[in-house]
Amino acid sequence: MKSQPNHPCRPRLFLSAWIAGFVVLLSIAAIPINHGIFRLMIAVAIPVLWLCAIWLLRSQKRCAIGLLVLGVAFLIFAFLPGRPLLPGVLQNEYIAQLEKYEGVPYVWGGENRLGIDCSGLIRRAMIHAQLKLAFTTANSLPLRSGLDLWWHDCTARALRDSYRGYTAPIFLAPSISSVDPNLLLPGDIAVTSNGVHVMAYLGNLLWIEADPTIKSVLVVPLPTDNPWFDVPIVVMRWIWLDNHAVPPPAR
C-alpha cells in the first residue's frame, strides 16, 4: 500500500507557526516589565525555536547541520570552566553599560531601554556587561554569571540583603553626600537603608540612578540637592567586582 504524500500546505503552516513564535519571542523580550513568567517563556522558546528551525531546514542539509553545530557549540562553550576576568575589565564594562541608560524613562519593574527602574538599571547593566565580555573574550564564566543574574530577579532590598550572594556589604553611611569618595570604587552601589532605592557610583563624584520622582535615569554629580543623596545608605559591592575593581584615575 502506498504511503500518503505530505500535504503541500503543511510546510507553509509549520513555517508560519515558527515565524509567529519568533515574533512572540521578540515581543516578550521587548516588554519593559521583568517578570518570572516572561523569563521562563524566553528560556523555553529559544531552544524550541532552534530545534524547529533545524527541522524546517531538514531538506537543506548544510543549513540544518550548520544550525545544529552552532547550537551544540554554544552549549559546549557554556559549560567550559572559564577563567576570571582581569582586574578592571568587568568594572569598566559595567560603568559603560550603566551610562548607556542615561535618559531612559523610569518604569516600575522595567528592565530595558523602553523603561527601567532603580534595581533594574543596576542589575541589567551588570547582565549586559557579563554577557558582552563572555563573547568578546571567549570566556564562559561571565556567560554563566550573567545568565544566572538574568534568571534571578532582585530588588533594591534584595541587593541590600546580599541576595544569593550577588553583593557584599562595604559600609554604612548617614548619606551618599557624607561619604568620603576615597572609600568608593566605580561600580559600587548604594542602597537606601529602607531598601526602596539603589544608585551606582560611576567614579569622579558621579552617580547614576533611575529616579522614581523625576521618572528618568540620571547621572548626578556631587554635591547635589537630590533628596535621595541625603538619606541613610548601605554601600554594597558586586561579588564579581570585589578584588577586581580598581580606583578611578587621579583627577
C-alpha atoms as a PDB file:
ATOM      1  CA  MET A   1       0.000   0.000   0.000  1.00  0.00           C
ATOM      2  CA  LYS A   2       1.421   3.389  -0.997  1.00  0.00           C
ATOM      3  CA  SER A   3       2.091   5.937   1.717  1.00  0.00           C
ATOM      4  CA  GLN A   4       0.188   9.176   1.540  1.00  0.00           C
ATOM      5  CA  PRO A   5       2.309  12.156   0.395  1.00  0.00           C
ATOM      6  CA  ASN A   6       2.707  15.083   2.750  1.00  0.00           C
ATOM      7  CA  HIS A   7       0.062  17.714   2.348  1.00  0.00           C
ATOM      8  CA  PRO A   8       1.593  20.681   0.453  1.00  0.00           C
ATOM      9  CA  CYS A   9       0.186  23.173   2.967  1.00  0.00           C
ATOM     10  CA  ARG A  10       1.908  21.610   5.984  1.00  0.00           C
ATOM     11  CA  PRO A  11       5.413  23.056   5.422  1.00  0.00           C
ATOM     12  CA  ARG A  12       3.909  26.513   4.984  1.00  0.00           C
ATOM     13  CA  LEU A  13       1.810  26.031   8.106  1.00  0.00           C
ATOM     14  CA  PHE A  14       4.855  24.990  10.165  1.00  0.00           C
ATOM     15  CA  LEU A  15       6.891  27.891   8.786  1.00  0.00           C
ATOM     16  CA  SER A  16       4.093  30.327   9.638  1.00  0.00           C
ATOM     17  CA  ALA A  17       3.921  28.879  13.154  1.00  0.00           C
ATOM     18  CA  TRP A  18       7.704  29.272  13.552  1.00  0.00           C
ATOM     19  CA  ILE A  19       7.582  32.902  12.386  1.00  0.00           C
ATOM     20  CA  ALA A  20       4.690  33.597  14.754  1.00  0.00           C
ATOM     21  CA  GLY A  21       6.639  32.047  17.618  1.00  0.00           C
ATOM     22  CA  PHE A  22       9.697  34.133  16.775  1.00  0.00           C
ATOM     23  CA  VAL A  23       7.615  37.332  16.697  1.00  0.00           C
ATOM     24  CA  VAL A  24       6.092  36.436  20.072  1.00  0.00           C
ATOM     25  CA  LEU A  25       9.591  35.865  21.487  1.00  0.00           C
ATOM     26  CA  LEU A  26      10.744  39.282  20.277  1.00  0.00           C
ATOM     27  CA  SER A  27       7.596  40.882  21.670  1.00  0.00           C
ATOM     28  CA  ILE A  28       8.124  39.319  25.093  1.00  0.00           C
ATOM     29  CA  ALA A  29      11.772  40.364  25.122  1.00  0.00           C
ATOM     30  CA  ALA A  30      10.724  43.950  24.314  1.00  0.00           C
ATOM     31  CA  ILE A  31       8.306  44.241  27.242  1.00  0.00           C
ATOM     32  CA  PRO A  32       9.923  46.540  29.836  1.00  0.00           C
ATOM     33  CA  ILE A  33       8.416  44.769  32.836  1.00  0.00           C
ATOM     34  CA  ASN A  34      10.652  41.989  34.079  1.00  0.00           C
ATOM     35  CA  HIS A  35       8.508  39.060  35.272  1.00  0.00           C
ATOM     36  CA  GLY A  36       9.356  35.454  36.042  1.00  0.00           C
ATOM     37  CA  ILE A  37       6.798  34.100  33.586  1.00  0.00           C
ATOM     38  CA  PHE A  38       8.380  36.148  30.780  1.00  0.00           C
ATOM     39  CA  ARG A  39      11.857  34.833  31.601  1.00  0.00           C
ATOM     40  CA  LEU A  40      10.501  31.286  31.615  1.00  0.00           C
ATOM     41  CA  MET A  41       8.818  31.801  28.246  1.00  0.00           C
ATOM     42  CA  ILE A  42      12.057  33.153  26.752  1.00  0.00           C
ATOM     43  CA  ALA A  43      14.096  30.293  28.208  1.00  0.00           C
ATOM     44  CA  VAL A  44      11.694  27.726  26.730  1.00  0.00           C
ATOM     45  CA  ALA A  45      11.094  29.482  23.397  1.00  0.00           C
ATOM     46  CA  ILE A  46      14.756  29.795  22.358  1.00  0.00           C
ATOM     47  CA  PRO A  47      15.612  26.054  22.330  1.00  0.00           C
ATOM     48  CA  VAL A  48      12.196  25.166  20.891  1.00  0.00           C
ATOM     49  CA  LEU A  49      12.596  27.620  18.012  1.00  0.00           C
ATOM     50  CA  TRP A  50      16.156  26.378  17.439  1.00  0.00           C
ATOM     51  CA  LEU A  51      15.020  22.737  17.162  1.00  0.00           C
ATOM     52  CA  CYS A  52      12.054  23.676  14.978  1.00  0.00           C
ATOM     53  CA  ALA A  53      14.349  25.678  12.672  1.00  0.00           C
ATOM     54  CA  ILE A  54      16.569  22.622  12.226  1.00  0.00           C
ATOM     55  CA  TRP A  55      13.519  20.531  11.382  1.00  0.00           C
ATOM     56  CA  LEU A  56      12.226  23.128   8.896  1.00  0.00           C
ATOM     57  CA  LEU A  57      15.627  23.193   7.177  1.00  0.00           C
ATOM     58  CA  ARG A  58      15.964  19.391   7.037  1.00  0.00           C
ATOM     59  CA  SER A  59      15.716  19.424   3.235  1.00  0.00           C
ATOM     60  CA  GLN A  60      18.687  21.809   3.120  1.00  0.00           C
ATOM     61  CA  LYS A  61      21.134  19.582   4.925  1.00  0.00           C
ATOM     62  CA  ARG A  62      24.034  22.021   5.072  1.00  0.00           C
ATOM     63  CA  CYS A  63      21.933  24.730   6.682  1.00  0.00           C
ATOM     64  CA  ALA A  64      20.343  22.295   9.124  1.00  0.00           C
ATOM     65  CA  ILE A  65      23.696  20.791  10.111  1.00  0.00           C
ATOM     66  CA  GLY A  66      25.255  24.240  10.429  1.00  0.00           C
ATOM     67  CA  LEU A  67      22.462  25.374  12.742  1.00  0.00           C
ATOM     68  CA  LEU A  68      22.780  22.177  14.766  1.00  0.00           C
ATOM     69  CA  VAL A  69      26.540  22.561  15.105  1.00  0.00           C
ATOM     70  CA  LEU A  70      26.149  26.208  16.095  1.00  0.00           C
ATOM     71  CA  GLY A  71      23.744  25.316  18.909  1.00  0.00           C
ATOM     72  CA  VAL A  72      25.846  22.416  20.166  1.00  0.00           C
ATOM     73  CA  ALA A  73      28.973  24.587  20.080  1.00  0.00           C
ATOM     74  CA  PHE A  74      27.205  27.192  22.222  1.00  0.00           C
ATOM     75  CA  LEU A  75      26.177  24.535  24.749  1.00  0.00           C
ATOM     76  CA  ILE A  76      29.732  23.195  24.938  1.00  0.00           C
ATOM     77  CA  PHE A  77      31.070  26.733  25.358  1.00  0.00           C
ATOM     78  CA  ALA A  78      28.547  27.468  28.123  1.00  0.00           C
ATOM     79  CA  PHE A  79      29.798  24.522  30.211  1.00  0.00           C
ATOM     80  CA  LEU A  80      33.528  25.093  29.784  1.00  0.00           C
ATOM     81  CA  PRO A  81      35.329  26.001  33.042  1.00  0.00           C
ATOM     82  CA  GLY A  82      36.046  29.620  32.074  1.00  0.00           C
ATOM     83  CA  ARG A  83      38.522  31.942  33.759  1.00  0.00           C
ATOM     84  CA  PRO A  84      38.400  35.023  35.999  1.00  0.00           C
ATOM     85  CA  LEU A  85      38.416  38.369  34.208  1.00  0.00           C
ATOM     86  CA  LEU A  86      41.382  40.686  34.615  1.00  0.00           C
ATOM     87  CA  PRO A  87      41.017  43.408  37.290  1.00  0.00           C
ATOM     88  CA  GLY A  88      39.149  46.414  35.971  1.00  0.00           C
ATOM     89  CA  VAL A  89      37.811  44.765  32.808  1.00  0.00           C
ATOM     90  CA  LEU A  90      34.322  43.960  34.111  1.00  0.00           C
ATOM     91  CA  GLN A  91      34.306  47.170  36.145  1.00  0.00           C
ATOM     92  CA  ASN A  92      34.931  49.332  33.062  1.00  0.00           C
ATOM     93  CA  GLU A  93      32.336  47.477  31.010  1.00  0.00           C
ATOM     94  CA  TYR A  94      29.799  47.745  33.827  1.00  0.00           C
ATOM     95  CA  ILE A  95      30.262  51.520  34.022  1.00  0.00           C
ATOM     96  CA  ALA A  96      29.932  51.780  30.224  1.00  0.00           C
ATOM     97  CA  GLN A  97      26.688  49.782  30.283  1.00  0.00           C
ATOM     98  CA  LEU A  98      25.254  51.899  33.111  1.00  0.00           C
ATOM     99  CA  GLU A  99      25.956  55.112  31.218  1.00  0.00           C
ATOM    100  CA  LYS A 100      24.092  53.826  28.147  1.00  0.00           C
ATOM    101  CA  TYR A 101      20.829  54.059  30.100  1.00  0.00           C
ATOM    102  CA  GLU A 102      21.060  57.782  30.807  1.00  0.00           C
ATOM    103  CA  GLY A 103      17.782  59.400  29.754  1.00  0.00           C
ATOM    104  CA  VAL A 104      15.772  56.153  29.642  1.00  0.00           C
ATOM    105  CA  PRO A 105      12.308  56.674  31.204  1.00  0.00           C
ATOM    106  CA  TYR A 106      11.571  55.253  34.636  1.00  0.00           C
ATOM    107  CA  VAL A 107       9.100  52.351  34.656  1.00  0.00           C
ATOM    108  CA  TRP A 108       8.477  50.416  37.856  1.00  0.00           C
ATOM    109  CA  GLY A 109       9.603  46.815  37.292  1.00  0.00           C
ATOM    110  CA  GLY A 110      11.181  47.754  33.954  1.00  0.00           C
ATOM    111  CA  GLU A 111      14.479  46.374  32.719  1.00  0.00           C
ATOM    112  CA  ASN A 112      15.191  47.571  29.199  1.00  0.00           C
ATOM    113  CA  ARG A 113      15.604  50.760  27.160  1.00  0.00           C
ATOM    114  CA  LEU A 114      11.851  51.257  26.862  1.00  0.00           C
ATOM    115  CA  GLY A 115      11.634  51.687  30.625  1.00  0.00           C
ATOM    116  CA  ILE A 116      13.654  50.729  33.688  1.00  0.00           C
ATOM    117  CA  ASP A 117      13.534  51.087  37.464  1.00  0.00           C
ATOM    118  CA  CYS A 118      16.308  51.614  40.008  1.00  0.00           C
ATOM    119  CA  SER A 119      17.204  47.970  40.661  1.00  0.00           C
ATOM    120  CA  GLY A 120      16.604  47.073  37.015  1.00  0.00           C
ATOM    121  CA  LEU A 121      19.236  49.598  35.973  1.00  0.00           C
ATOM    122  CA  ILE A 122      21.794  48.239  38.432  1.00  0.00           C
ATOM    123  CA  ARG A 123      21.353  44.586  37.517  1.00  0.00           C
ATOM    124  CA  ARG A 124      20.627  44.888  33.790  1.00  0.00           C
ATOM    125  CA  ALA A 125      23.881  46.801  33.245  1.00  0.00           C
ATOM    126  CA  MET A 126      25.758  44.009  35.038  1.00  0.00           C
ATOM    127  CA  ILE A 127      23.969  41.346  32.964  1.00  0.00           C
ATOM    128  CA  HIS A 128      24.879  43.103  29.715  1.00  0.00           C
ATOM    129  CA  ALA A 129      28.465  43.648  30.841  1.00  0.00           C
ATOM    130  CA  GLN A 130      28.890  39.975  31.753  1.00  0.00           C
ATOM    131  CA  LEU A 131      27.337  38.660  28.536  1.00  0.00           C
ATOM    132  CA  LYS A 132      29.262  41.056  26.298  1.00  0.00           C
ATOM    133  CA  LEU A 133      32.582  40.100  27.870  1.00  0.00           C
ATOM    134  CA  ALA A 134      31.686  36.410  27.660  1.00  0.00           C
ATOM    135  CA  PHE A 135      31.635  36.597  23.864  1.00  0.00           C
ATOM    136  CA  THR A 136      34.285  39.261  23.254  1.00  0.00           C
ATOM    137  CA  THR A 137      36.780  37.374  25.448  1.00  0.00           C
ATOM    138  CA  ALA A 138      35.545  33.823  24.645  1.00  0.00           C
ATOM    139  CA  ASN A 139      35.025  33.177  28.343  1.00  0.00           C
ATOM    140  CA  SER A 140      32.164  31.044  29.627  1.00  0.00           C
ATOM    141  CA  LEU A 141      32.480  32.160  33.261  1.00  0.00           C
ATOM    142  CA  PRO A 142      30.842  35.604  32.792  1.00  0.00           C
ATOM    143  CA  LEU A 143      28.292  33.962  30.486  1.00  0.00           C
ATOM    144  CA  ARG A 144      27.055  31.737  33.305  1.00  0.00           C
ATOM    145  CA  SER A 145      27.193  34.590  35.814  1.00  0.00           C
ATOM    146  CA  GLY A 146      25.211  36.882  33.513  1.00  0.00           C
ATOM    147  CA  LEU A 147      22.546  34.269  32.798  1.00  0.00           C
ATOM    148  CA  ASP A 148      22.257  33.411  36.491  1.00  0.00           C
ATOM    149  CA  LEU A 149      21.705  37.081  37.353  1.00  0.00           C
ATOM    150  CA  TRP A 150      19.182  37.394  34.498  1.00  0.00           C
ATOM    151  CA  TRP A 151      17.200  34.400  35.759  1.00  0.00           C
ATOM    152  CA  HIS A 152      17.127  35.503  39.419  1.00  0.00           C
ATOM    153  CA  ASP A 153      15.477  38.890  39.667  1.00  0.00           C
ATOM    154  CA  CYS A 154      16.419  41.034  42.656  1.00  0.00           C
ATOM    155  CA  THR A 155      15.004  44.249  44.062  1.00  0.00           C
ATOM    156  CA  ALA A 156      16.875  47.070  45.757  1.00  0.00           C
ATOM    157  CA  ARG A 157      16.063  45.421  49.082  1.00  0.00           C
ATOM    158  CA  ALA A 158      17.448  42.110  47.833  1.00  0.00           C
ATOM    159  CA  LEU A 159      20.668  43.806  46.707  1.00  0.00           C
ATOM    160  CA  ARG A 160      20.942  45.350  50.173  1.00  0.00           C
ATOM    161  CA  ASP A 161      20.442  41.939  51.769  1.00  0.00           C
ATOM    162  CA  SER A 162      23.084  40.181  49.597  1.00  0.00           C
ATOM    163  CA  TYR A 163      20.501  38.046  47.792  1.00  0.00           C
ATOM    164  CA  ARG A 164      22.133  34.823  46.535  1.00  0.00           C
ATOM    165  CA  GLY A 165      25.482  36.322  47.492  1.00  0.00           C
ATOM    166  CA  TYR A 166      25.465  38.651  44.472  1.00  0.00           C
ATOM    167  CA  THR A 167      26.528  41.633  46.571  1.00  0.00           C
ATOM    168  CA  ALA A 168      28.650  42.155  49.689  1.00  0.00           C
ATOM    169  CA  PRO A 169      28.305  44.993  52.239  1.00  0.00           C
ATOM    170  CA  ILE A 170      31.133  47.541  52.410  1.00  0.00           C
ATOM    171  CA  PHE A 171      29.940  50.065  54.996  1.00  0.00           C
ATOM    172  CA  LEU A 172      27.001  52.044  56.354  1.00  0.00           C
ATOM    173  CA  ALA A 173      26.728  55.812  55.980  1.00  0.00           C
ATOM    174  CA  PRO A 174      24.264  58.541  57.011  1.00  0.00           C
ATOM    175  CA  SER A 175      24.022  59.600  53.341  1.00  0.00           C
ATOM    176  CA  ILE A 176      25.818  59.483  50.000  1.00  0.00           C
ATOM    177  CA  SER A 177      26.612  63.181  50.337  1.00  0.00           C
ATOM    178  CA  SER A 178      28.549  62.493  53.541  1.00  0.00           C
ATOM    179  CA  VAL A 179      30.659  59.620  52.135  1.00  0.00           C
ATOM    180  CA  ASP A 180      34.355  60.144  51.553  1.00  0.00           C
ATOM    181  CA  PRO A 181      34.731  59.331  47.806  1.00  0.00           C
ATOM    182  CA  ASN A 182      38.114  57.743  48.546  1.00  0.00           C
ATOM    183  CA  LEU A 183      36.201  54.902  50.208  1.00  0.00           C
ATOM    184  CA  LEU A 184      34.325  54.118  46.986  1.00  0.00           C
ATOM    185  CA  LEU A 185      35.237  52.290  43.800  1.00  0.00           C
ATOM    186  CA  PRO A 186      33.470  52.775  40.449  1.00  0.00           C
ATOM    187  CA  GLY A 187      30.705  50.198  40.254  1.00  0.00           C
ATOM    188  CA  ASP A 188      29.869  50.311  43.977  1.00  0.00           C
ATOM    189  CA  ILE A 189      26.164  50.605  44.703  1.00  0.00           C
ATOM    190  CA  ALA A 190      24.356  52.472  47.459  1.00  0.00           C
ATOM    191  CA  VAL A 191      21.038  51.120  48.704  1.00  0.00           C
ATOM    192  CA  THR A 192      18.865  53.223  50.971  1.00  0.00           C
ATOM    193  CA  SER A 193      18.653  51.663  54.423  1.00  0.00           C
ATOM    194  CA  ASN A 194      14.933  51.036  53.974  1.00  0.00           C
ATOM    195  CA  GLY A 195      15.637  49.149  50.740  1.00  0.00           C
ATOM    196  CA  VAL A 196      13.438  51.252  48.456  1.00  0.00           C
ATOM    197  CA  HIS A 197      16.079  52.783  46.156  1.00  0.00           C
ATOM    198  CA  VAL A 198      19.522  51.964  44.786  1.00  0.00           C
ATOM    199  CA  MET A 199      22.167  54.002  42.920  1.00  0.00           C
ATOM    200  CA  ALA A 200      25.548  53.191  41.355  1.00  0.00           C
ATOM    201  CA  TYR A 201      28.822  55.082  41.609  1.00  0.00           C
ATOM    202  CA  LEU A 202      30.471  55.940  38.279  1.00  0.00           C
ATOM    203  CA  GLY A 203      33.615  57.482  39.761  1.00  0.00           C
ATOM    204  CA  ASN A 204      34.794  61.107  39.934  1.00  0.00           C
ATOM    205  CA  LEU A 205      31.866  62.140  42.178  1.00  0.00           C
ATOM    206  CA  LEU A 206      29.272  60.955  39.626  1.00  0.00           C
ATOM    207  CA  TRP A 207      26.337  58.680  40.475  1.00  0.00           C
ATOM    208  CA  ILE A 208      23.656  57.174  38.247  1.00  0.00           C
ATOM    209  CA  GLU A 209      20.106  56.310  39.252  1.00  0.00           C
ATOM    210  CA  ALA A 210      16.691  55.566  37.800  1.00  0.00           C
ATOM    211  CA  ASP A 211      14.864  58.254  39.766  1.00  0.00           C
ATOM    212  CA  PRO A 212      11.204  57.380  40.507  1.00  0.00           C
ATOM    213  CA  THR A 213      10.467  61.043  41.288  1.00  0.00           C
ATOM    214  CA  ILE A 214      11.883  62.572  38.116  1.00  0.00           C
ATOM    215  CA  LYS A 215      10.857  59.481  36.092  1.00  0.00           C
ATOM    216  CA  SER A 216      14.161  59.132  34.258  1.00  0.00           C
ATOM    217  CA  VAL A 217      17.675  57.708  34.501  1.00  0.00           C
ATOM    218  CA  LEU A 218      20.006  60.491  35.624  1.00  0.00           C
ATOM    219  CA  VAL A 219      23.732  60.968  36.078  1.00  0.00           C
ATOM    220  CA  VAL A 220      24.025  63.045  39.241  1.00  0.00           C
ATOM    221  CA  PRO A 221      27.215  64.959  40.128  1.00  0.00           C
ATOM    222  CA  LEU A 222      28.048  65.732  43.749  1.00  0.00           C
ATOM    223  CA  PRO A 223      27.260  67.953  45.544  1.00  0.00           C
ATOM    224  CA  THR A 224      23.544  67.826  44.780  1.00  0.00           C
ATOM    225  CA  ASP A 225      20.202  68.766  46.316  1.00  0.00           C
ATOM    226  CA  ASN A 226      18.675  65.444  45.193  1.00  0.00           C
ATOM    227  CA  PRO A 227      16.855  64.094  48.310  1.00  0.00           C
ATOM    228  CA  TRP A 228      17.980  60.505  47.639  1.00  0.00           C
ATOM    229  CA  PHE A 229      21.541  61.577  48.444  1.00  0.00           C
ATOM    230  CA  ASP A 230      20.657  62.699  51.972  1.00  0.00           C
ATOM    231  CA  VAL A 231      19.153  59.516  53.430  1.00  0.00           C
ATOM    232  CA  PRO A 232      20.908  56.642  55.278  1.00  0.00           C
ATOM    233  CA  ILE A 233      22.506  54.098  52.941  1.00  0.00           C
ATOM    234  CA  VAL A 234      24.322  50.792  52.796  1.00  0.00           C
ATOM    235  CA  VAL A 235      27.210  50.696  50.323  1.00  0.00           C
ATOM    236  CA  MET A 236      27.408  47.322  48.580  1.00  0.00           C
ATOM    237  CA  ARG A 237      29.749  45.815  46.001  1.00  0.00           C
ATOM    238  CA  TRP A 238      29.052  43.172  43.367  1.00  0.00           C
ATOM    239  CA  ILE A 239      30.909  39.957  44.177  1.00  0.00           C
ATOM    240  CA  TRP A 240      32.275  39.935  40.617  1.00  0.00           C
ATOM    241  CA  LEU A 241      33.912  43.296  41.246  1.00  0.00           C
ATOM    242  CA  ASP A 242      35.202  42.523  44.722  1.00  0.00           C
ATOM    243  CA  ASN A 243      39.015  42.319  44.480  1.00  0.00           C
ATOM    244  CA  HIS A 244      38.711  43.006  40.739  1.00  0.00           C
ATOM    245  CA  ALA A 245      37.859  46.705  40.817  1.00  0.00           C
ATOM    246  CA  VAL A 246      40.439  49.468  40.521  1.00  0.00           C
ATOM    247  CA  PRO A 247      40.313  53.055  41.838  1.00  0.00           C
ATOM    248  CA  PRO A 248      39.416  55.856  39.410  1.00  0.00           C
ATOM    249  CA  PRO A 249      42.334  57.777  37.878  1.00  0.00           C
ATOM    250  CA  ALA A 250      43.562  60.757  39.852  1.00  0.00           C
ATOM    251  CA  ARG A 251      41.804  63.984  38.867  1.00  0.00           C
END
